[in-house]
Amino acid sequence: SNPEPTILGIARAMGRPLGAAEVAAIWRKLDHVNLTGAHRHNLRAGHGVVGGWRRWLTNTHLEMMCDYGLDRLVFPFGYDLSERLDETAYNSFQRRVAGAIRDGSVVRAYTDEDLFGFAFNKSNLNLDRFAFKRYGWRNHTQIERSSFGDDELVMDVWNTAEESCAIFNSAINNGLSDTERAASAVAVLFEDEASWLEWRGQLDNAKSRVIHDPAPKLLRSVRDINVVQFGGRYYGVPQKLGPIDFYTAEIGMLEGIIVEPGLTELLRRLETIAP
């Protein structure tokens, strides 16, 4: 909802301050752009044109269609699924798909499946326009939308997610004060010892940071902005934001907060802000 201030906050948190023109230029590249690639069906990349299917389907697909009786249904519309494509003339896409079918392998267009999943499953749809089933929040999870007809299956998935997230959230909430208890509670979520040890190390590091990092220190107030020192940086925190937990909140991402590496730089910026 506030793209340019968000980009500015990320840049400041990284120690790479940007000017207004640079921020605007970055947002122009991202504005209403699907970052995972253009929406398209794998079998007709680009756009649908008459005869275009010959460039994206393989003979295996045609045989599957005939097996399901689709050849009789589409014949009145001018499609003859009994013909076969010249496999020696397959383009690079068809050769790749045919090879995957032959080898029983999965074609992955994106190497980082987690990133693609997060990018694709965004929640900016107006659900009122679709016939999705919608569910409210339980303690830890929510099914935002579902097109499944089998409610029992949906509940099985939801129950599993709820139980797992309850264990994980409990471990996270208690972890910084009781690492051992958190460790035993969350160990069941990991498939192998290596991933468990990696998570355990991250938790120990987090606990160490909380113990050794000094508490936030209020230095002064400039009009309605508190000047706070924390973790080697200086923050201008609008008083209207109320109490903030510097250990858990993404301070630099909160609207209105100013972050600078030095006190002099922060005070100089605050002088430029109109009352």
C-alpha atoms as a PDB file:
ATOM      1  CA  SER A   1       0.000   0.000   0.000  1.00  0.00           C
ATOM      2  CA  ASN A   2       3.014   2.302   0.460  1.00  0.00           C
ATOM      3  CA  PRO A   3       5.574   1.031  -2.044  1.00  0.00           C
ATOM      4  CA  GLU A   4       8.030   3.910  -2.183  1.00  0.00           C
ATOM      5  CA  PRO A   5       8.333   4.403   1.608  1.00  0.00           C
ATOM      6  CA  THR A   6       8.736   0.631   1.901  1.00  0.00           C
ATOM      7  CA  ILE A   7      11.583   0.576  -0.635  1.00  0.00           C
ATOM      8  CA  LEU A   8      13.160   3.537   1.154  1.00  0.00           C
ATOM      9  CA  GLY A   9      12.915   1.739   4.510  1.00  0.00           C
ATOM     10  CA  ILE A  10      14.509  -1.438   3.105  1.00  0.00           C
ATOM     11  CA  ALA A  11      17.359   0.568   1.616  1.00  0.00           C
ATOM     12  CA  ARG A  12      18.007   2.390   4.896  1.00  0.00           C
ATOM     13  CA  ALA A  13      17.964  -0.868   6.844  1.00  0.00           C
ATOM     14  CA  MET A  14      20.608  -2.171   4.425  1.00  0.00           C
ATOM     15  CA  GLY A  15      22.707   0.928   4.938  1.00  0.00           C
ATOM     16  CA  ARG A  16      22.215   1.985   1.306  1.00  0.00           C
ATOM     17  CA  PRO A  17      20.203   5.229   1.403  1.00  0.00           C
ATOM     18  CA  LEU A  18      18.470   6.130  -1.853  1.00  0.00           C
ATOM     19  CA  GLY A  19      17.210   9.369  -3.305  1.00  0.00           C
ATOM     20  CA  ALA A  20      13.573   9.946  -4.224  1.00  0.00           C
ATOM     21  CA  ALA A  21      14.318   9.592  -7.949  1.00  0.00           C
ATOM     22  CA  GLU A  22      16.074   6.248  -7.412  1.00  0.00           C
ATOM     23  CA  VAL A  23      13.207   4.916  -5.332  1.00  0.00           C
ATOM     24  CA  ALA A  24      10.679   5.981  -7.966  1.00  0.00           C
ATOM     25  CA  ALA A  25      12.740   4.293 -10.686  1.00  0.00           C
ATOM     26  CA  ILE A  26      12.850   1.019  -8.736  1.00  0.00           C
ATOM     27  CA  TRP A  27       9.100   1.060  -8.195  1.00  0.00           C
ATOM     28  CA  ARG A  28       8.418   1.737 -11.883  1.00  0.00           C
ATOM     29  CA  LYS A  29      10.086  -1.609 -12.653  1.00  0.00           C
ATOM     30  CA  LEU A  30       7.973  -3.453 -10.064  1.00  0.00           C
ATOM     31  CA  ASP A  31       4.613  -1.704 -10.321  1.00  0.00           C
ATOM     32  CA  HIS A  32       1.921  -4.258 -11.227  1.00  0.00           C
ATOM     33  CA  VAL A  33       4.497  -6.702 -12.601  1.00  0.00           C
ATOM     34  CA  ASN A  34       4.200 -10.445 -11.992  1.00  0.00           C
ATOM     35  CA  LEU A  35       7.747 -11.163 -10.817  1.00  0.00           C
ATOM     36  CA  THR A  36       7.458 -14.916 -11.431  1.00  0.00           C
ATOM     37  CA  GLY A  37       6.975 -14.470 -15.189  1.00  0.00           C
ATOM     38  CA  ALA A  38       4.027 -13.805 -17.456  1.00  0.00           C
ATOM     39  CA  HIS A  39       0.808 -15.665 -16.723  1.00  0.00           C
ATOM     40  CA  ARG A  40       0.640 -18.350 -19.355  1.00  0.00           C
ATOM     41  CA  HIS A  41      -0.318 -21.943 -19.863  1.00  0.00           C
ATOM     42  CA  ASN A  42       2.680 -24.180 -20.437  1.00  0.00           C
ATOM     43  CA  LEU A  43       1.136 -25.587 -23.590  1.00  0.00           C
ATOM     44  CA  ARG A  44       0.610 -22.298 -25.389  1.00  0.00           C
ATOM     45  CA  ALA A  45       3.312 -19.888 -24.345  1.00  0.00           C
ATOM     46  CA  GLY A  46       2.712 -16.276 -25.283  1.00  0.00           C
ATOM     47  CA  HIS A  47      -0.810 -16.250 -26.644  1.00  0.00           C
ATOM     48  CA  GLY A  48      -3.322 -18.531 -28.287  1.00  0.00           C
ATOM     49  CA  VAL A  49      -3.313 -18.540 -32.099  1.00  0.00           C
ATOM     50  CA  VAL A  50      -4.960 -20.852 -34.604  1.00  0.00           C
ATOM     51  CA  GLY A  51      -2.727 -23.886 -35.007  1.00  0.00           C
ATOM     52  CA  GLY A  52      -0.439 -22.734 -32.214  1.00  0.00           C
ATOM     53  CA  TRP A  53      -0.999 -25.971 -30.329  1.00  0.00           C
ATOM     54  CA  ARG A  54       1.261 -27.726 -32.858  1.00  0.00           C
ATOM     55  CA  ARG A  55       4.200 -25.866 -31.304  1.00  0.00           C
ATOM     56  CA  TRP A  56       3.463 -26.726 -27.687  1.00  0.00           C
ATOM     57  CA  LEU A  57       1.796 -30.152 -27.543  1.00  0.00           C
ATOM     58  CA  THR A  58       3.521 -33.486 -28.174  1.00  0.00           C
ATOM     59  CA  ASN A  59       2.173 -36.712 -29.641  1.00  0.00           C
ATOM     60  CA  THR A  60       1.837 -38.061 -26.104  1.00  0.00           C
ATOM     61  CA  HIS A  61      -0.680 -35.335 -25.324  1.00  0.00           C
ATOM     62  CA  LEU A  62      -2.658 -36.093 -28.477  1.00  0.00           C
ATOM     63  CA  GLU A  63      -2.762 -39.789 -27.556  1.00  0.00           C
ATOM     64  CA  MET A  64      -3.976 -38.932 -24.061  1.00  0.00           C
ATOM     65  CA  MET A  65      -6.760 -36.767 -25.509  1.00  0.00           C
ATOM     66  CA  CYS A  66      -7.877 -39.606 -27.756  1.00  0.00           C
ATOM     67  CA  ASP A  67      -7.821 -42.040 -24.825  1.00  0.00           C
ATOM     68  CA  TYR A  68     -10.291 -39.781 -23.035  1.00  0.00           C
ATOM     69  CA  GLY A  69     -12.555 -39.507 -26.089  1.00  0.00           C
ATOM     70  CA  LEU A  70     -11.822 -35.849 -26.756  1.00  0.00           C
ATOM     71  CA  ASP A  71     -11.140 -36.550 -30.428  1.00  0.00           C
ATOM     72  CA  ARG A  72     -14.882 -37.070 -31.035  1.00  0.00           C
ATOM     73  CA  LEU A  73     -15.794 -33.902 -29.180  1.00  0.00           C
ATOM     74  CA  VAL A  74     -13.412 -31.555 -30.981  1.00  0.00           C
ATOM     75  CA  PHE A  75     -13.771 -32.984 -34.500  1.00  0.00           C
ATOM     76  CA  PRO A  76     -16.884 -30.853 -35.283  1.00  0.00           C
ATOM     77  CA  PHE A  77     -14.745 -27.786 -34.534  1.00  0.00           C
ATOM     78  CA  GLY A  78     -12.111 -28.655 -37.118  1.00  0.00           C
ATOM     79  CA  TYR A  79      -9.560 -30.522 -34.981  1.00  0.00           C
ATOM     80  CA  ASP A  80      -8.372 -33.974 -36.037  1.00  0.00           C
ATOM     81  CA  LEU A  81      -6.555 -35.521 -33.084  1.00  0.00           C
ATOM     82  CA  SER A  82      -5.799 -38.677 -35.051  1.00  0.00           C
ATOM     83  CA  GLU A  83      -2.975 -36.923 -36.890  1.00  0.00           C
ATOM     84  CA  ARG A  84       0.484 -37.090 -35.390  1.00  0.00           C
ATOM     85  CA  LEU A  85       3.169 -34.434 -35.277  1.00  0.00           C
ATOM     86  CA  ASP A  86       6.572 -34.891 -36.882  1.00  0.00           C
ATOM     87  CA  GLU A  87       8.749 -35.532 -33.844  1.00  0.00           C
ATOM     88  CA  THR A  88      11.926 -34.752 -35.801  1.00  0.00           C
ATOM     89  CA  ALA A  89      10.561 -31.215 -36.236  1.00  0.00           C
ATOM     90  CA  TYR A  90       9.829 -30.635 -32.542  1.00  0.00           C
ATOM     91  CA  ASN A  91      10.994 -27.237 -31.319  1.00  0.00           C
ATOM     92  CA  SER A  92      13.171 -26.891 -28.190  1.00  0.00           C
ATOM     93  CA  PHE A  93      10.142 -26.661 -25.894  1.00  0.00           C
ATOM     94  CA  GLN A  94       8.546 -29.804 -27.333  1.00  0.00           C
ATOM     95  CA  ARG A  95      11.836 -31.706 -27.133  1.00  0.00           C
ATOM     96  CA  ARG A  96      12.212 -30.716 -23.490  1.00  0.00           C
ATOM     97  CA  VAL A  97       8.670 -31.805 -22.621  1.00  0.00           C
ATOM     98  CA  ALA A  98       8.930 -35.040 -24.602  1.00  0.00           C
ATOM     99  CA  GLY A  99      12.196 -35.869 -22.855  1.00  0.00           C
ATOM    100  CA  ALA A 100      10.648 -35.267 -19.436  1.00  0.00           C
ATOM    101  CA  ILE A 101       7.691 -37.509 -20.319  1.00  0.00           C
ATOM    102  CA  ARG A 102      10.047 -40.220 -21.523  1.00  0.00           C
ATOM    103  CA  ASP A 103      12.258 -40.027 -18.423  1.00  0.00           C
ATOM    104  CA  GLY A 104       9.426 -39.528 -15.952  1.00  0.00           C
ATOM    105  CA  SER A 105      11.045 -36.323 -14.692  1.00  0.00           C
ATOM    106  CA  VAL A 106       9.522 -33.007 -13.631  1.00  0.00           C
ATOM    107  CA  VAL A 107      10.261 -29.852 -15.625  1.00  0.00           C
ATOM    108  CA  ARG A 108      10.976 -27.064 -13.153  1.00  0.00           C
ATOM    109  CA  ALA A 109      10.912 -23.587 -14.636  1.00  0.00           C
ATOM    110  CA  TYR A 110      12.207 -22.040 -11.404  1.00  0.00           C
ATOM    111  CA  THR A 111      15.145 -23.337  -9.379  1.00  0.00           C
ATOM    112  CA  ASP A 112      13.998 -21.754  -6.106  1.00  0.00           C
ATOM    113  CA  GLU A 113      10.672 -23.462  -5.453  1.00  0.00           C
ATOM    114  CA  ASP A 114      10.137 -21.670  -2.127  1.00  0.00           C
ATOM    115  CA  LEU A 115      10.583 -18.231  -3.665  1.00  0.00           C
ATOM    116  CA  PHE A 116       8.241 -19.099  -6.526  1.00  0.00           C
ATOM    117  CA  GLY A 117       5.645 -20.446  -4.120  1.00  0.00           C
ATOM    118  CA  PHE A 118       5.665 -17.303  -1.998  1.00  0.00           C
ATOM    119  CA  ALA A 119       5.586 -15.045  -5.066  1.00  0.00           C
ATOM    120  CA  PHE A 120       2.789 -16.952  -6.777  1.00  0.00           C
ATOM    121  CA  ASN A 121       0.497 -17.472  -3.806  1.00  0.00           C
ATOM    122  CA  LYS A 122      -0.068 -13.799  -3.180  1.00  0.00           C
ATOM    123  CA  SER A 123      -3.313 -12.647  -1.609  1.00  0.00           C
ATOM    124  CA  ASN A 124      -4.330  -9.659  -3.688  1.00  0.00           C
ATOM    125  CA  LEU A 125      -7.375 -11.330  -5.224  1.00  0.00           C
ATOM    126  CA  ASN A 126     -10.840  -9.938  -4.643  1.00  0.00           C
ATOM    127  CA  LEU A 127     -12.304 -13.204  -3.378  1.00  0.00           C
ATOM    128  CA  ASP A 128     -15.861 -11.869  -3.562  1.00  0.00           C
ATOM    129  CA  ARG A 129     -15.739 -12.371  -7.332  1.00  0.00           C
ATOM    130  CA  PHE A 130     -14.997 -16.091  -7.083  1.00  0.00           C
ATOM    131  CA  ALA A 131     -16.820 -19.116  -5.739  1.00  0.00           C
ATOM    132  CA  PHE A 132     -14.094 -20.043  -3.256  1.00  0.00           C
ATOM    133  CA  LYS A 133     -15.002 -21.457   0.117  1.00  0.00           C
ATOM    134  CA  ARG A 134     -13.635 -19.198   2.832  1.00  0.00           C
ATOM    135  CA  TYR A 135     -12.749 -20.012   6.414  1.00  0.00           C
ATOM    136  CA  GLY A 136     -12.035 -17.930   9.494  1.00  0.00           C
ATOM    137  CA  TRP A 137      -8.937 -18.054  11.673  1.00  0.00           C
ATOM    138  CA  ARG A 138      -8.292 -20.786  14.199  1.00  0.00           C
ATOM    139  CA  ASN A 139      -5.597 -20.233  16.826  1.00  0.00           C
ATOM    140  CA  HIS A 140      -2.639 -20.481  14.458  1.00  0.00           C
ATOM    141  CA  THR A 141      -3.833 -21.002  10.888  1.00  0.00           C
ATOM    142  CA  GLN A 142      -6.428 -20.037   8.330  1.00  0.00           C
ATOM    143  CA  ILE A 143      -7.493 -21.477   4.998  1.00  0.00           C
ATOM    144  CA  GLU A 144      -7.961 -18.275   3.068  1.00  0.00           C
ATOM    145  CA  ARG A 145      -9.728 -19.859   0.114  1.00  0.00           C
ATOM    146  CA  SER A 146     -10.459 -23.328  -1.183  1.00  0.00           C
ATOM    147  CA  SER A 147     -11.966 -24.834  -4.310  1.00  0.00           C
ATOM    148  CA  PHE A 148     -11.968 -28.394  -2.924  1.00  0.00           C
ATOM    149  CA  GLY A 149     -15.296 -30.196  -2.971  1.00  0.00           C
ATOM    150  CA  ASP A 150     -14.209 -32.652  -0.285  1.00  0.00           C
ATOM    151  CA  ASP A 151     -14.663 -30.806   3.014  1.00  0.00           C
ATOM    152  CA  GLU A 152     -13.278 -33.757   4.978  1.00  0.00           C
ATOM    153  CA  LEU A 153      -9.994 -33.530   3.074  1.00  0.00           C
ATOM    154  CA  VAL A 154      -9.813 -29.773   3.701  1.00  0.00           C
ATOM    155  CA  MET A 155     -10.329 -30.342   7.425  1.00  0.00           C
ATOM    156  CA  ASP A 156      -7.648 -33.062   7.524  1.00  0.00           C
ATOM    157  CA  VAL A 157      -5.119 -30.692   5.937  1.00  0.00           C
ATOM    158  CA  TRP A 158      -6.180 -27.849   8.215  1.00  0.00           C
ATOM    159  CA  ASN A 159      -5.982 -29.968  11.368  1.00  0.00           C
ATOM    160  CA  THR A 160      -2.466 -31.072  10.476  1.00  0.00           C
ATOM    161  CA  ALA A 161      -1.379 -27.486   9.786  1.00  0.00           C
ATOM    162  CA  GLU A 162      -2.972 -26.234  13.014  1.00  0.00           C
ATOM    163  CA  GLU A 163      -1.305 -28.882  15.159  1.00  0.00           C
ATOM    164  CA  SER A 164       2.104 -28.371  13.543  1.00  0.00           C
ATOM    165  CA  CYS A 165       1.985 -24.580  13.776  1.00  0.00           C
ATOM    166  CA  ALA A 166       0.897 -24.814  17.426  1.00  0.00           C
ATOM    167  CA  ILE A 167       4.070 -26.781  18.196  1.00  0.00           C
ATOM    168  CA  PHE A 168       6.272 -24.434  16.199  1.00  0.00           C
ATOM    169  CA  ASN A 169       4.756 -21.220  17.563  1.00  0.00           C
ATOM    170  CA  SER A 170       5.041 -22.499  21.101  1.00  0.00           C
ATOM    171  CA  ALA A 171       8.702 -23.284  20.524  1.00  0.00           C
ATOM    172  CA  ILE A 172       9.388 -19.856  19.053  1.00  0.00           C
ATOM    173  CA  ASN A 173       7.508 -18.025  21.818  1.00  0.00           C
ATOM    174  CA  ASN A 174       9.347 -19.911  24.550  1.00  0.00           C
ATOM    175  CA  GLY A 175      12.634 -20.396  22.745  1.00  0.00           C
ATOM    176  CA  LEU A 176      14.471 -17.252  23.766  1.00  0.00           C
ATOM    177  CA  SER A 177      13.858 -17.920  27.450  1.00  0.00           C
ATOM    178  CA  ASP A 178      14.140 -21.712  27.432  1.00  0.00           C
ATOM    179  CA  THR A 179      16.176 -23.017  24.522  1.00  0.00           C
ATOM    180  CA  GLU A 180      16.202 -26.618  25.714  1.00  0.00           C
ATOM    181  CA  ARG A 181      12.424 -26.887  26.101  1.00  0.00           C
ATOM    182  CA  ALA A 182      11.919 -25.229  22.723  1.00  0.00           C
ATOM    183  CA  ALA A 183      14.419 -27.600  21.155  1.00  0.00           C
ATOM    184  CA  SER A 184      12.638 -30.738  22.307  1.00  0.00           C
ATOM    185  CA  ALA A 185       9.240 -29.357  21.298  1.00  0.00           C
ATOM    186  CA  VAL A 186      10.221 -28.377  17.779  1.00  0.00           C
ATOM    187  CA  ALA A 187      12.507 -31.321  16.953  1.00  0.00           C
ATOM    188  CA  VAL A 188       9.560 -33.332  15.661  1.00  0.00           C
ATOM    189  CA  LEU A 189       9.152 -30.916  12.729  1.00  0.00           C
ATOM    190  CA  PHE A 190      12.497 -31.764  11.122  1.00  0.00           C
ATOM    191  CA  GLU A 191      13.129 -34.702   8.822  1.00  0.00           C
ATOM    192  CA  ASP A 192      16.841 -35.110   9.454  1.00  0.00           C
ATOM    193  CA  GLU A 193      19.485 -34.255  12.016  1.00  0.00           C
ATOM    194  CA  ALA A 194      21.277 -31.728   9.794  1.00  0.00           C
ATOM    195  CA  SER A 195      18.245 -29.475   9.367  1.00  0.00           C
ATOM    196  CA  TRP A 196      17.485 -29.798  13.068  1.00  0.00           C
ATOM    197  CA  LEU A 197      21.009 -28.764  14.058  1.00  0.00           C
ATOM    198  CA  GLU A 198      20.901 -25.800  11.671  1.00  0.00           C
ATOM    199  CA  TRP A 199      17.664 -24.533  13.231  1.00  0.00           C
ATOM    200  CA  ARG A 200      19.045 -25.130  16.729  1.00  0.00           C
ATOM    201  CA  GLY A 201      22.110 -23.004  15.922  1.00  0.00           C
ATOM    202  CA  GLN A 202      19.922 -20.169  14.649  1.00  0.00           C
ATOM    203  CA  LEU A 203      17.859 -20.269  17.835  1.00  0.00           C
ATOM    204  CA  ASP A 204      20.984 -20.202  20.017  1.00  0.00           C
ATOM    205  CA  ASN A 205      22.324 -17.225  18.058  1.00  0.00           C
ATOM    206  CA  ALA A 206      19.045 -15.377  18.524  1.00  0.00           C
ATOM    207  CA  LYS A 207      19.122 -16.051  22.247  1.00  0.00           C
ATOM    208  CA  SER A 208      22.716 -14.838  22.453  1.00  0.00           C
ATOM    209  CA  ARG A 209      21.859 -11.605  20.655  1.00  0.00           C
ATOM    210  CA  VAL A 210      19.002 -10.838  23.027  1.00  0.00           C
ATOM    211  CA  ILE A 211      21.194 -11.484  26.059  1.00  0.00           C
ATOM    212  CA  HIS A 212      24.175  -9.437  24.903  1.00  0.00           C
ATOM    213  CA  ASP A 213      22.588  -6.599  22.923  1.00  0.00           C
ATOM    214  CA  PRO A 214      21.986  -3.549  25.116  1.00  0.00           C
ATOM    215  CA  ALA A 215      18.447  -2.414  25.719  1.00  0.00           C
ATOM    216  CA  PRO A 216      17.051   0.456  23.607  1.00  0.00           C
ATOM    217  CA  LYS A 217      18.028   3.801  25.116  1.00  0.00           C
ATOM    218  CA  LEU A 218      15.869   6.917  24.831  1.00  0.00           C
ATOM    219  CA  LEU A 219      18.279   9.831  24.295  1.00  0.00           C
ATOM    220  CA  ARG A 220      15.895  12.743  23.798  1.00  0.00           C
ATOM    221  CA  SER A 221      12.763  13.891  22.010  1.00  0.00           C
ATOM    222  CA  VAL A 222      12.616  16.237  19.039  1.00  0.00           C
ATOM    223  CA  ARG A 223       9.097  17.614  18.875  1.00  0.00           C
ATOM    224  CA  ASP A 224       6.931  14.457  18.696  1.00  0.00           C
ATOM    225  CA  ILE A 225       9.769  12.111  17.707  1.00  0.00           C
ATOM    226  CA  ASN A 226      11.779  10.017  20.179  1.00  0.00           C
ATOM    227  CA  VAL A 227      15.515   9.608  19.470  1.00  0.00           C
ATOM    228  CA  VAL A 228      16.479   6.048  20.439  1.00  0.00           C
ATOM    229  CA  GLN A 229      19.858   4.314  20.405  1.00  0.00           C
ATOM    230  CA  PHE A 230      19.806   0.553  19.792  1.00  0.00           C
ATOM    231  CA  GLY A 231      22.118  -2.049  18.265  1.00  0.00           C
ATOM    232  CA  GLY A 232      24.678   0.454  17.010  1.00  0.00           C
ATOM    233  CA  ARG A 233      22.110   2.614  15.200  1.00  0.00           C
ATOM    234  CA  TYR A 234      19.983   5.630  15.959  1.00  0.00           C
ATOM    235  CA  TYR A 235      16.240   5.716  15.386  1.00  0.00           C
ATOM    236  CA  GLY A 236      13.748   8.538  15.067  1.00  0.00           C
ATOM    237  CA  VAL A 237      10.507   6.990  16.366  1.00  0.00           C
ATOM    238  CA  PRO A 238       7.237   8.966  16.105  1.00  0.00           C
ATOM    239  CA  GLN A 239       5.540   8.954  19.489  1.00  0.00           C
ATOM    240  CA  LYS A 240       2.203   8.198  17.844  1.00  0.00           C
ATOM    241  CA  LEU A 241       3.428   4.630  17.182  1.00  0.00           C
ATOM    242  CA  GLY A 242       3.318   3.890  20.904  1.00  0.00           C
ATOM    243  CA  PRO A 243       5.530   1.246  22.611  1.00  0.00           C
ATOM    244  CA  ILE A 244       7.723  -0.764  20.214  1.00  0.00           C
ATOM    245  CA  ASP A 245       9.586  -4.009  20.900  1.00  0.00           C
ATOM    246  CA  PHE A 246      12.982  -3.367  19.306  1.00  0.00           C
ATOM    247  CA  TYR A 247      13.950  -7.033  19.650  1.00  0.00           C
ATOM    248  CA  THR A 248      11.124  -8.465  17.558  1.00  0.00           C
ATOM    249  CA  ALA A 249       9.715  -5.683  15.351  1.00  0.00           C
ATOM    250  CA  GLU A 250      11.179  -4.807  11.934  1.00  0.00           C
ATOM    251  CA  ILE A 251      11.883  -1.284  13.169  1.00  0.00           C
ATOM    252  CA  GLY A 252      13.217   0.130   9.935  1.00  0.00           C
ATOM    253  CA  MET A 253      10.129  -1.051   8.058  1.00  0.00           C
ATOM    254  CA  LEU A 254       7.597   0.730  10.262  1.00  0.00           C
ATOM    255  CA  GLU A 255       6.040   3.781   8.663  1.00  0.00           C
ATOM    256  CA  GLY A 256       7.531   7.066   9.789  1.00  0.00           C
ATOM    257  CA  ILE A 257      10.649   5.672  11.492  1.00  0.00           C
ATOM    258  CA  ILE A 258      14.008   7.128  10.471  1.00  0.00           C
ATOM    259  CA  VAL A 259      17.217   5.102  10.829  1.00  0.00           C
ATOM    260  CA  GLU A 260      20.757   6.474  10.687  1.00  0.00           C
ATOM    261  CA  PRO A 261      24.161   5.026  11.630  1.00  0.00           C
ATOM    262  CA  GLY A 262      25.084   8.111  13.683  1.00  0.00           C
ATOM    263  CA  LEU A 263      23.326  10.504  16.059  1.00  0.00           C
ATOM    264  CA  THR A 264      24.493  13.600  14.164  1.00  0.00           C
ATOM    265  CA  GLU A 265      23.040  12.307  10.891  1.00  0.00           C
ATOM    266  CA  LEU A 266      19.716  11.499  12.548  1.00  0.00           C
ATOM    267  CA  LEU A 267      19.400  14.921  14.220  1.00  0.00           C
ATOM    268  CA  ARG A 268      20.246  16.614  10.933  1.00  0.00           C
ATOM    269  CA  ARG A 269      17.444  14.732   9.185  1.00  0.00           C
ATOM    270  CA  LEU A 270      14.977  15.525  11.948  1.00  0.00           C
ATOM    271  CA  GLU A 271      15.714  19.229  11.492  1.00  0.00           C
ATOM    272  CA  THR A 272      14.450  19.007   7.907  1.00  0.00           C
ATOM    273  CA  ILE A 273      11.094  17.531   8.911  1.00  0.00           C
ATOM    274  CA  ALA A 274       8.325  20.093   9.253  1.00  0.00           C
ATOM    275  CA  PRO A 275       6.513  20.168  12.646  1.00  0.00           C
END
